[in-house]
Amino acid sequence: MVNNLVSNAVKYAAAGSTIRLSCVKADGIVQVSVSDEGIGINADDLPRLFERYYRVKGNETRHIAGFGIGLYLCSEIIKGHGGEIWADSEPGKGSTFNFTILVVP
């Protein structure tokens, strides 16, 4: 999952920009976040990002290859482990993809 999120950050961010990863554990939950300084995502697209085959359409994304399956698979795996996945984004300011999973004692 982390590999897919980092790979997407690299694809959608400008060369030389910063990609940040963080991992925090609290109260039996781990939250992982991947942030980029990329093109960002419109608010209308955010609820659909984790649907199978969904791809954001636009002039900035037409040259970026993909099938719209990676985020869907990440979502299914994370949900299968009792976690959640979501994205925060603003066009022109980048995106942060977050997921949580339960820590097994």
N, C-alpha and C. Protein backbone atom coordinates (compact mmCIF):
# COMPACT_ATOMS: atom_id res chain seq x y z
N MET A 1 0.80 -1.18 0.00
CA MET A 1 0.00 0.00 0.00
C MET A 1 0.85 1.26 0.00
N VAL A 2 1.84 1.27 0.86
CA VAL A 2 2.72 2.44 0.92
C VAL A 2 3.41 2.63 -0.43
N ASN A 3 3.85 1.53 -1.04
CA ASN A 3 4.50 1.61 -2.34
C ASN A 3 3.59 2.26 -3.37
N ASN A 4 2.33 1.88 -3.40
CA ASN A 4 1.38 2.45 -4.36
C ASN A 4 1.18 3.94 -4.10
N LEU A 5 1.04 4.33 -2.84
CA LEU A 5 0.82 5.74 -2.53
C LEU A 5 2.04 6.59 -2.87
N VAL A 6 3.23 6.08 -2.59
CA VAL A 6 4.45 6.82 -2.93
C VAL A 6 4.61 6.89 -4.44
N SER A 7 4.34 5.79 -5.13
CA SER A 7 4.42 5.77 -6.59
C SER A 7 3.48 6.80 -7.20
N ASN A 8 2.26 6.88 -6.69
CA ASN A 8 1.31 7.89 -7.18
C ASN A 8 1.81 9.30 -6.89
N ALA A 9 2.37 9.51 -5.72
CA ALA A 9 2.89 10.84 -5.38
C ALA A 9 3.98 11.24 -6.37
N VAL A 10 4.84 10.31 -6.72
CA VAL A 10 5.91 10.59 -7.68
C VAL A 10 5.31 10.91 -9.05
N LYS A 11 4.30 10.14 -9.47
CA LYS A 11 3.68 10.36 -10.79
C LYS A 11 3.00 11.71 -10.91
N TYR A 12 2.36 12.17 -9.83
CA TYR A 12 1.54 13.37 -9.92
C TYR A 12 2.22 14.63 -9.40
N ALA A 13 3.44 14.53 -8.90
CA ALA A 13 4.15 15.70 -8.41
C ALA A 13 5.23 16.11 -9.41
N ALA A 14 5.60 17.36 -9.37
CA ALA A 14 6.65 17.86 -10.26
C ALA A 14 8.00 17.28 -9.86
N ALA A 15 8.86 17.09 -10.83
CA ALA A 15 10.21 16.59 -10.56
C ALA A 15 10.90 17.54 -9.57
N GLY A 16 11.56 16.96 -8.59
CA GLY A 16 12.28 17.75 -7.61
C GLY A 16 11.45 18.25 -6.44
N SER A 17 10.15 17.99 -6.46
CA SER A 17 9.32 18.43 -5.34
C SER A 17 9.44 17.43 -4.19
N THR A 18 8.94 17.81 -3.04
CA THR A 18 9.07 17.00 -1.83
C THR A 18 7.89 16.06 -1.66
N ILE A 19 8.20 14.83 -1.27
CA ILE A 19 7.19 13.85 -0.88
C ILE A 19 7.49 13.47 0.56
N ARG A 20 6.48 13.57 1.42
CA ARG A 20 6.67 13.30 2.84
C ARG A 20 5.89 12.06 3.26
N LEU A 21 6.54 11.22 4.04
CA LEU A 21 5.89 10.05 4.62
C LEU A 21 5.90 10.19 6.13
N SER A 22 4.80 9.80 6.76
CA SER A 22 4.78 9.79 8.22
C SER A 22 4.02 8.56 8.69
N CYS A 23 4.36 8.14 9.89
CA CYS A 23 3.71 6.98 10.51
C CYS A 23 3.60 7.27 11.99
N VAL A 24 2.38 7.21 12.51
CA VAL A 24 2.13 7.50 13.91
C VAL A 24 1.32 6.36 14.51
N LYS A 25 1.73 5.91 15.70
CA LYS A 25 0.99 4.86 16.41
C LYS A 25 0.41 5.45 17.67
N ALA A 26 -0.90 5.24 17.88
CA ALA A 26 -1.56 5.71 19.10
C ALA A 26 -2.81 4.89 19.33
N ASP A 27 -3.01 4.48 20.56
CA ASP A 27 -4.23 3.77 20.97
C ASP A 27 -4.54 2.56 20.10
N GLY A 28 -3.54 1.79 19.76
CA GLY A 28 -3.75 0.57 19.00
C GLY A 28 -4.02 0.76 17.52
N ILE A 29 -3.78 1.97 17.02
CA ILE A 29 -3.99 2.28 15.60
C ILE A 29 -2.73 2.90 15.05
N VAL A 30 -2.36 2.50 13.84
CA VAL A 30 -1.24 3.11 13.12
C VAL A 30 -1.83 3.93 11.98
N GLN A 31 -1.38 5.18 11.86
CA GLN A 31 -1.79 6.01 10.73
C GLN A 31 -0.56 6.34 9.90
N VAL A 32 -0.67 6.02 8.61
CA VAL A 32 0.39 6.31 7.65
C VAL A 32 -0.12 7.40 6.71
N SER A 33 0.73 8.36 6.41
CA SER A 33 0.36 9.45 5.51
C SER A 33 1.47 9.65 4.47
N VAL A 34 1.06 9.91 3.24
CA VAL A 34 1.96 10.23 2.15
C VAL A 34 1.48 11.55 1.55
N SER A 35 2.34 12.57 1.60
CA SER A 35 1.97 13.90 1.11
C SER A 35 2.87 14.29 -0.05
N ASP A 36 2.27 14.98 -1.03
CA ASP A 36 3.06 15.47 -2.15
C ASP A 36 2.73 16.93 -2.42
N GLU A 37 3.49 17.53 -3.29
CA GLU A 37 3.29 18.92 -3.72
C GLU A 37 2.82 18.92 -5.17
N GLY A 38 1.98 17.97 -5.51
CA GLY A 38 1.57 17.77 -6.89
C GLY A 38 0.42 18.66 -7.33
N ILE A 39 -0.27 18.18 -8.36
CA ILE A 39 -1.32 18.97 -9.00
C ILE A 39 -2.58 19.07 -8.15
N GLY A 40 -2.75 18.20 -7.19
CA GLY A 40 -3.93 18.22 -6.33
C GLY A 40 -5.14 17.62 -7.01
N ILE A 41 -6.20 17.48 -6.24
CA ILE A 41 -7.42 16.82 -6.70
C ILE A 41 -8.62 17.69 -6.34
N ASN A 42 -9.54 17.84 -7.27
CA ASN A 42 -10.76 18.60 -7.01
C ASN A 42 -11.62 17.90 -5.96
N ALA A 43 -12.33 18.68 -5.16
CA ALA A 43 -13.18 18.14 -4.10
C ALA A 43 -14.23 17.17 -4.65
N ASP A 44 -14.71 17.40 -5.88
CA ASP A 44 -15.71 16.52 -6.47
C ASP A 44 -15.17 15.11 -6.74
N ASP A 45 -13.87 14.99 -6.96
CA ASP A 45 -13.26 13.70 -7.25
C ASP A 45 -12.89 12.91 -5.99
N LEU A 46 -12.68 13.59 -4.88
CA LEU A 46 -12.19 12.92 -3.67
C LEU A 46 -13.05 11.73 -3.23
N PRO A 47 -14.38 11.84 -3.21
CA PRO A 47 -15.17 10.69 -2.74
C PRO A 47 -15.08 9.46 -3.64
N ARG A 48 -14.66 9.62 -4.88
CA ARG A 48 -14.63 8.51 -5.84
C ARG A 48 -13.24 7.90 -6.04
N LEU A 49 -12.21 8.45 -5.44
CA LEU A 49 -10.84 8.03 -5.69
C LEU A 49 -10.60 6.54 -5.46
N PHE A 50 -11.33 5.94 -4.54
CA PHE A 50 -11.08 4.55 -4.16
C PHE A 50 -12.04 3.58 -4.83
N GLU A 51 -12.79 4.05 -5.82
CA GLU A 51 -13.65 3.17 -6.62
C GLU A 51 -12.81 2.45 -7.67
N ARG A 52 -13.21 1.23 -7.97
CA ARG A 52 -12.49 0.45 -8.98
C ARG A 52 -12.57 1.16 -10.34
N TYR A 53 -11.44 1.29 -10.99
CA TYR A 53 -11.25 1.88 -12.32
C TYR A 53 -11.47 3.40 -12.38
N TYR A 54 -11.69 4.06 -11.25
CA TYR A 54 -11.90 5.50 -11.30
C TYR A 54 -10.57 6.22 -11.47
N ARG A 55 -10.54 7.14 -12.41
CA ARG A 55 -9.37 7.99 -12.64
C ARG A 55 -9.83 9.42 -12.75
N VAL A 56 -9.09 10.32 -12.14
CA VAL A 56 -9.38 11.74 -12.26
C VAL A 56 -9.06 12.16 -13.69
N LYS A 57 -9.99 12.87 -14.30
CA LYS A 57 -9.80 13.31 -15.67
C LYS A 57 -9.48 14.80 -15.69
N GLY A 58 -8.57 15.18 -16.56
CA GLY A 58 -8.22 16.58 -16.71
C GLY A 58 -6.99 16.73 -17.58
N ASN A 59 -6.70 17.95 -17.94
CA ASN A 59 -5.53 18.22 -18.79
C ASN A 59 -4.23 17.78 -18.13
N GLU A 60 -4.14 17.94 -16.80
CA GLU A 60 -2.91 17.59 -16.10
C GLU A 60 -2.68 16.09 -16.02
N THR A 61 -3.76 15.29 -16.11
CA THR A 61 -3.64 13.84 -15.90
C THR A 61 -3.70 13.03 -17.18
N ARG A 62 -3.99 13.64 -18.30
CA ARG A 62 -4.18 12.87 -19.54
C ARG A 62 -2.92 12.14 -20.00
N HIS A 63 -1.76 12.62 -19.62
CA HIS A 63 -0.50 12.00 -20.04
C HIS A 63 0.06 11.01 -19.01
N ILE A 64 -0.66 10.82 -17.90
CA ILE A 64 -0.18 9.93 -16.83
C ILE A 64 -0.86 8.57 -16.97
N ALA A 65 -0.06 7.53 -17.10
CA ALA A 65 -0.58 6.18 -17.31
C ALA A 65 -1.16 5.61 -16.03
N GLY A 66 -2.15 4.73 -16.19
CA GLY A 66 -2.74 4.03 -15.06
C GLY A 66 -4.07 3.44 -15.44
N PHE A 67 -4.52 2.48 -14.62
CA PHE A 67 -5.78 1.78 -14.89
C PHE A 67 -6.87 2.10 -13.87
N GLY A 68 -6.54 2.86 -12.82
CA GLY A 68 -7.53 3.16 -11.80
C GLY A 68 -7.81 1.99 -10.88
N ILE A 69 -6.83 1.13 -10.68
CA ILE A 69 -7.04 -0.04 -9.84
C ILE A 69 -6.22 0.02 -8.54
N GLY A 70 -5.12 0.76 -8.53
CA GLY A 70 -4.21 0.78 -7.38
C GLY A 70 -4.85 1.27 -6.10
N LEU A 71 -5.51 2.42 -6.13
CA LEU A 71 -6.13 2.94 -4.91
C LEU A 71 -7.29 2.06 -4.45
N TYR A 72 -8.01 1.48 -5.42
CA TYR A 72 -9.09 0.56 -5.08
C TYR A 72 -8.54 -0.64 -4.32
N LEU A 73 -7.45 -1.24 -4.82
CA LEU A 73 -6.86 -2.40 -4.15
C LEU A 73 -6.34 -2.02 -2.76
N CYS A 74 -5.70 -0.88 -2.65
CA CYS A 74 -5.25 -0.42 -1.34
C CYS A 74 -6.43 -0.31 -0.37
N SER A 75 -7.50 0.28 -0.85
CA SER A 75 -8.69 0.45 -0.03
C SER A 75 -9.26 -0.88 0.45
N GLU A 76 -9.35 -1.84 -0.44
CA GLU A 76 -9.89 -3.15 -0.08
C GLU A 76 -9.00 -3.87 0.95
N ILE A 77 -7.70 -3.79 0.77
CA ILE A 77 -6.78 -4.43 1.72
C ILE A 77 -6.87 -3.76 3.08
N ILE A 78 -6.87 -2.45 3.09
CA ILE A 78 -6.92 -1.70 4.35
C ILE A 78 -8.24 -1.98 5.07
N LYS A 79 -9.36 -1.95 4.36
CA LYS A 79 -10.65 -2.26 4.99
C LYS A 79 -10.65 -3.69 5.54
N GLY A 80 -10.00 -4.60 4.84
CA GLY A 80 -9.92 -5.98 5.29
C GLY A 80 -9.14 -6.13 6.59
N HIS A 81 -8.32 -5.15 6.92
CA HIS A 81 -7.56 -5.15 8.16
C HIS A 81 -8.17 -4.20 9.19
N GLY A 82 -9.43 -3.84 8.99
CA GLY A 82 -10.13 -3.00 9.95
C GLY A 82 -9.73 -1.54 9.91
N GLY A 83 -9.14 -1.10 8.81
CA GLY A 83 -8.69 0.28 8.72
C GLY A 83 -9.53 1.14 7.80
N GLU A 84 -9.07 2.34 7.60
CA GLU A 84 -9.73 3.31 6.71
C GLU A 84 -8.67 3.97 5.85
N ILE A 85 -9.11 4.47 4.69
CA ILE A 85 -8.22 5.22 3.81
C ILE A 85 -8.98 6.45 3.31
N TRP A 86 -8.27 7.57 3.19
CA TRP A 86 -8.89 8.80 2.70
C TRP A 86 -7.81 9.72 2.15
N ALA A 87 -8.25 10.73 1.45
CA ALA A 87 -7.32 11.71 0.88
C ALA A 87 -7.81 13.11 1.19
N ASP A 88 -6.84 13.98 1.43
CA ASP A 88 -7.08 15.42 1.57
C ASP A 88 -6.30 16.08 0.46
N SER A 89 -6.94 17.01 -0.24
CA SER A 89 -6.25 17.62 -1.36
C SER A 89 -6.86 18.95 -1.72
N GLU A 90 -6.05 19.76 -2.39
CA GLU A 90 -6.50 21.03 -2.93
C GLU A 90 -5.78 21.22 -4.26
N PRO A 91 -6.54 21.51 -5.32
CA PRO A 91 -5.91 21.71 -6.63
C PRO A 91 -4.78 22.75 -6.55
N GLY A 92 -3.65 22.37 -7.13
CA GLY A 92 -2.49 23.25 -7.16
C GLY A 92 -1.64 23.24 -5.91
N LYS A 93 -2.08 22.53 -4.87
CA LYS A 93 -1.35 22.53 -3.61
C LYS A 93 -0.95 21.14 -3.14
N GLY A 94 -1.28 20.11 -3.91
CA GLY A 94 -0.86 18.77 -3.55
C GLY A 94 -1.92 17.97 -2.83
N SER A 95 -1.53 16.77 -2.43
CA SER A 95 -2.45 15.82 -1.81
C SER A 95 -1.77 15.10 -0.66
N THR A 96 -2.60 14.66 0.28
CA THR A 96 -2.14 13.78 1.34
C THR A 96 -3.08 12.58 1.38
N PHE A 97 -2.50 11.40 1.21
CA PHE A 97 -3.24 10.15 1.31
C PHE A 97 -2.91 9.53 2.66
N ASN A 98 -3.95 9.17 3.40
CA ASN A 98 -3.81 8.64 4.74
C ASN A 98 -4.49 7.29 4.83
N PHE A 99 -3.93 6.40 5.66
CA PHE A 99 -4.68 5.20 6.01
C PHE A 99 -4.35 4.80 7.44
N THR A 100 -5.31 4.13 8.05
CA THR A 100 -5.14 3.60 9.38
C THR A 100 -5.32 2.10 9.33
N ILE A 101 -4.62 1.42 10.21
CA ILE A 101 -4.84 -0.01 10.42
C ILE A 101 -4.74 -0.28 11.92
N LEU A 102 -5.45 -1.32 12.33
CA LEU A 102 -5.41 -1.71 13.73
C LEU A 102 -4.13 -2.48 14.02
N VAL A 103 -3.55 -2.23 15.16
CA VAL A 103 -2.35 -2.95 15.58
C VAL A 103 -2.80 -4.19 16.33
N VAL A 104 -2.30 -5.34 15.93
CA VAL A 104 -2.65 -6.58 16.61
C VAL A 104 -1.66 -6.79 17.75
N PRO A 105 -2.19 -6.94 18.98
CA PRO A 105 -1.27 -7.10 20.13
C PRO A 105 -0.52 -8.42 20.09
